[in-house]
Amino acid sequence: MASIIKANELQDFGGNSIITSDGAGVVTPNASGIQNTPAFFSKGVSSSQAISNETYTTLTNWNTPSSLLGSITFSSGIYTVGTAGTYFFYAIPDIGNMADGDRAFVVIQASEDSFSSSSDISINGKIMNASANADVTPQVSCVHTCTASTQVRVQVWQDYGGNRNFQGGYFMGYKLIGA
């Protein structure tokens, strides 16, 4: 036998509203521990961005994030988190047309001062190409404690001998609940 409890609000012992319902099935979480947290998800756009040989290049060729929650802002490949907390970040850029034996690296960096100075917050994700004229997709992820003004970006490096193209991939991040 099943039981049914009907309510339009769930409160804690202090009378604070934890969850409310509008009576039509739309539930609103009010406690900060269960609300949506700041997050973004971007894809690399179809037009290519040149990556110089043996030089770290900031990837700017991301689309306007399809998911942009909270106070996160985006400008020229740089995300400003807007809300202090601990975040998870992940990047997997697609670098086109690498030759056999060539390497590519990806790193996620953070800064508090528009990248006048910055620190790598991930280890270097690297990949070596095993066949000629193949695309490579090094990937990297990390967890980092941010202030509201922390800026985050992705940089890549490759050693083809000339420019290669960033031609797609993904970059995402979200604030961890309870961290």
Protein backbone atom coordinates (compact mmCIF):
# COMPACT_ATOMS: atom_id res chain seq x y z
CA MET A 1 0.00 0.00 0.00
CA ALA A 2 1.35 3.45 -0.92
CA SER A 3 1.04 6.66 1.05
CA ILE A 4 0.59 10.12 -0.36
CA ILE A 5 1.79 13.28 1.33
CA LYS A 6 0.55 16.53 -0.14
CA ALA A 7 2.26 19.85 0.60
CA ASN A 8 3.25 22.99 -1.25
CA GLU A 9 6.23 23.74 1.01
CA LEU A 10 8.82 21.78 2.96
CA GLN A 11 10.44 23.68 5.84
CA ASP A 12 13.23 22.87 8.27
CA PHE A 13 12.87 23.16 12.07
CA GLY A 14 13.81 26.85 11.89
CA GLY A 15 10.91 27.62 9.55
CA ASN A 16 13.22 28.08 6.53
CA SER A 17 11.71 27.03 3.21
CA ILE A 18 13.69 24.15 1.70
CA ILE A 19 11.44 23.23 -1.26
CA THR A 20 8.25 24.83 -2.61
CA SER A 21 5.78 23.66 -5.25
CA ASP A 22 3.37 25.75 -7.31
CA GLY A 23 0.68 23.05 -7.26
CA ALA A 24 1.25 22.25 -10.94
CA GLY A 25 4.27 20.03 -10.43
CA VAL A 26 6.93 22.76 -10.66
CA VAL A 27 9.27 22.37 -7.70
CA THR A 28 11.66 25.13 -6.60
CA PRO A 29 14.62 24.21 -4.40
CA ASN A 30 15.33 27.03 -1.97
CA ALA A 31 18.20 25.60 0.09
CA SER A 32 21.60 26.50 -1.39
CA GLY A 33 22.81 22.89 -1.08
CA ILE A 34 20.23 21.64 -3.60
CA GLN A 35 19.93 24.55 -6.01
CA ASN A 36 21.50 24.57 -9.46
CA THR A 37 25.09 25.67 -9.23
CA PRO A 38 27.06 27.89 -11.63
CA ALA A 39 28.03 25.92 -14.75
CA PHE A 40 29.01 26.29 -18.41
CA PHE A 41 29.42 24.02 -21.43
CA SER A 42 30.93 25.16 -24.74
CA LYS A 43 31.78 23.52 -28.04
CA GLY A 44 34.57 24.58 -30.36
CA VAL A 45 33.04 26.30 -33.38
CA SER A 46 33.36 24.87 -36.87
CA SER A 47 35.77 27.51 -38.18
CA SER A 48 39.37 26.80 -37.21
CA GLN A 49 41.77 28.69 -34.96
CA ALA A 50 45.52 28.44 -35.73
CA ILE A 51 47.74 26.93 -33.04
CA SER A 52 51.36 28.00 -33.41
CA ASN A 53 54.17 25.46 -33.39
CA GLU A 54 55.76 24.89 -29.94
CA THR A 55 53.90 27.86 -28.41
CA TYR A 56 51.07 27.74 -25.89
CA THR A 57 47.98 29.26 -27.52
CA THR A 58 44.81 30.31 -25.69
CA LEU A 59 41.77 28.73 -27.31
CA THR A 60 39.26 31.47 -28.11
CA ASN A 61 37.23 29.69 -30.77
CA TRP A 62 34.49 28.44 -28.39
CA ASN A 63 30.84 29.07 -29.13
CA THR A 64 28.80 31.19 -26.74
CA PRO A 65 28.08 28.64 -24.04
CA SER A 66 24.87 26.71 -24.63
CA SER A 67 24.55 26.22 -20.89
CA LEU A 68 25.55 29.20 -18.79
CA LEU A 69 24.13 28.99 -15.27
CA GLY A 70 24.69 31.35 -12.37
CA SER A 71 26.86 34.43 -12.75
CA ILE A 72 29.52 32.87 -15.01
CA THR A 73 30.50 35.15 -17.90
CA PHE A 74 32.33 34.37 -21.15
CA SER A 75 34.60 36.53 -23.31
CA SER A 76 37.20 35.44 -25.89
CA GLY A 77 37.82 31.98 -24.46
CA ILE A 78 37.93 33.20 -20.84
CA TYR A 79 35.30 32.22 -18.31
CA THR A 80 34.84 34.24 -15.10
CA VAL A 81 33.12 32.05 -12.51
CA GLY A 82 31.28 34.85 -10.66
CA THR A 83 30.59 32.75 -7.56
CA ALA A 84 33.28 31.62 -5.14
CA GLY A 85 33.58 27.89 -4.53
CA THR A 86 35.23 24.68 -5.65
CA TYR A 87 34.78 23.88 -9.34
CA PHE A 88 35.35 20.93 -11.67
CA PHE A 89 36.72 21.84 -15.12
CA TYR A 90 37.18 19.62 -18.22
CA ALA A 91 38.58 20.30 -21.69
CA ILE A 92 39.08 18.18 -24.80
CA PRO A 93 40.19 20.24 -27.82
CA ASP A 94 40.36 18.67 -31.30
CA ILE A 95 43.62 19.54 -33.09
CA GLY A 96 43.54 18.77 -36.79
CA ASN A 97 45.86 17.03 -39.21
CA MET A 98 48.83 16.09 -37.03
CA ALA A 99 51.72 14.05 -38.44
CA ASP A 100 53.01 10.71 -37.14
CA GLY A 101 54.85 11.11 -33.83
CA ASP A 102 53.76 14.71 -33.21
CA ARG A 103 52.63 15.69 -29.72
CA ALA A 104 49.88 17.94 -28.44
CA PHE A 105 49.34 19.22 -24.89
CA VAL A 106 46.34 20.88 -23.25
CA VAL A 107 46.29 22.73 -19.91
CA ILE A 108 43.62 24.61 -17.95
CA GLN A 109 44.81 27.84 -16.32
CA ALA A 110 43.31 30.19 -13.72
CA SER A 111 44.00 33.84 -12.93
CA GLU A 112 42.75 36.58 -10.64
CA ASP A 113 44.26 39.43 -12.69
CA SER A 114 43.26 39.03 -16.37
CA PHE A 115 46.17 36.63 -16.91
CA SER A 116 48.91 39.13 -16.09
CA SER A 117 49.95 36.16 -14.00
CA SER A 118 48.32 32.75 -14.01
CA SER A 119 48.79 29.25 -12.74
CA ASP A 120 48.18 25.89 -14.33
CA ILE A 121 45.37 24.27 -12.36
CA SER A 122 45.50 21.00 -14.30
CA ILE A 123 48.33 18.71 -15.19
CA ASN A 124 49.26 18.67 -18.86
CA GLY A 125 46.92 16.44 -20.82
CA LYS A 126 49.00 15.08 -23.69
CA ILE A 127 48.62 12.86 -26.68
CA MET A 128 51.01 11.63 -29.37
CA ASN A 129 49.77 10.98 -32.86
CA ALA A 130 50.21 7.39 -34.07
CA SER A 131 49.44 7.90 -37.76
CA ALA A 132 49.86 10.58 -40.39
CA ASN A 133 47.18 13.21 -41.02
CA ALA A 134 45.08 12.39 -37.99
CA ASP A 135 43.19 14.62 -35.59
CA VAL A 136 44.22 14.40 -31.95
CA THR A 137 42.16 15.19 -28.86
CA PRO A 138 44.20 15.53 -25.67
CA GLN A 139 42.00 15.88 -22.61
CA VAL A 140 42.40 17.24 -19.13
CA SER A 141 40.29 17.78 -16.03
CA CYS A 142 40.85 19.34 -12.61
CA VAL A 143 39.24 20.61 -9.44
CA HIS A 144 40.09 24.16 -8.33
CA THR A 145 38.94 26.48 -5.56
CA CYS A 146 37.94 29.82 -7.11
CA THR A 147 37.08 33.30 -5.91
CA ALA A 148 34.18 35.12 -7.59
CA SER A 149 36.67 36.86 -9.91
CA THR A 150 38.66 33.76 -10.94
CA GLN A 151 39.11 33.55 -14.72
CA VAL A 152 39.68 30.20 -16.42
CA ARG A 153 40.99 29.39 -19.91
CA VAL A 154 42.33 26.49 -22.00
CA GLN A 155 45.74 26.57 -23.68
CA VAL A 156 47.18 24.08 -26.17
CA TRP A 157 50.67 23.35 -27.52
CA GLN A 158 51.72 21.21 -30.48
CA ASP A 159 54.99 20.33 -32.27
CA TYR A 160 53.95 19.64 -35.86
CA GLY A 161 56.51 22.11 -37.23
CA GLY A 162 53.95 24.66 -38.48
CA ASN A 163 50.52 25.87 -37.51
CA ARG A 164 47.80 23.31 -36.82
CA ASN A 165 44.12 24.06 -36.28
CA PHE A 166 41.87 23.91 -33.26
CA GLN A 167 38.73 22.73 -34.97
CA GLY A 168 36.35 21.61 -32.26
CA GLY A 169 36.05 19.92 -28.91
CA TYR A 170 34.52 20.82 -25.56
CA PHE A 171 35.22 22.97 -22.49
CA MET A 172 33.03 22.84 -19.41
CA GLY A 173 32.98 23.59 -15.72
CA TYR A 174 30.62 23.55 -12.79
CA LYS A 175 30.61 24.41 -9.08
CA LEU A 176 30.64 21.38 -6.83
CA ILE A 177 27.90 21.12 -4.23
CA GLY A 178 29.13 20.52 -0.68
CA ALA A 179 32.80 21.06 -1.48
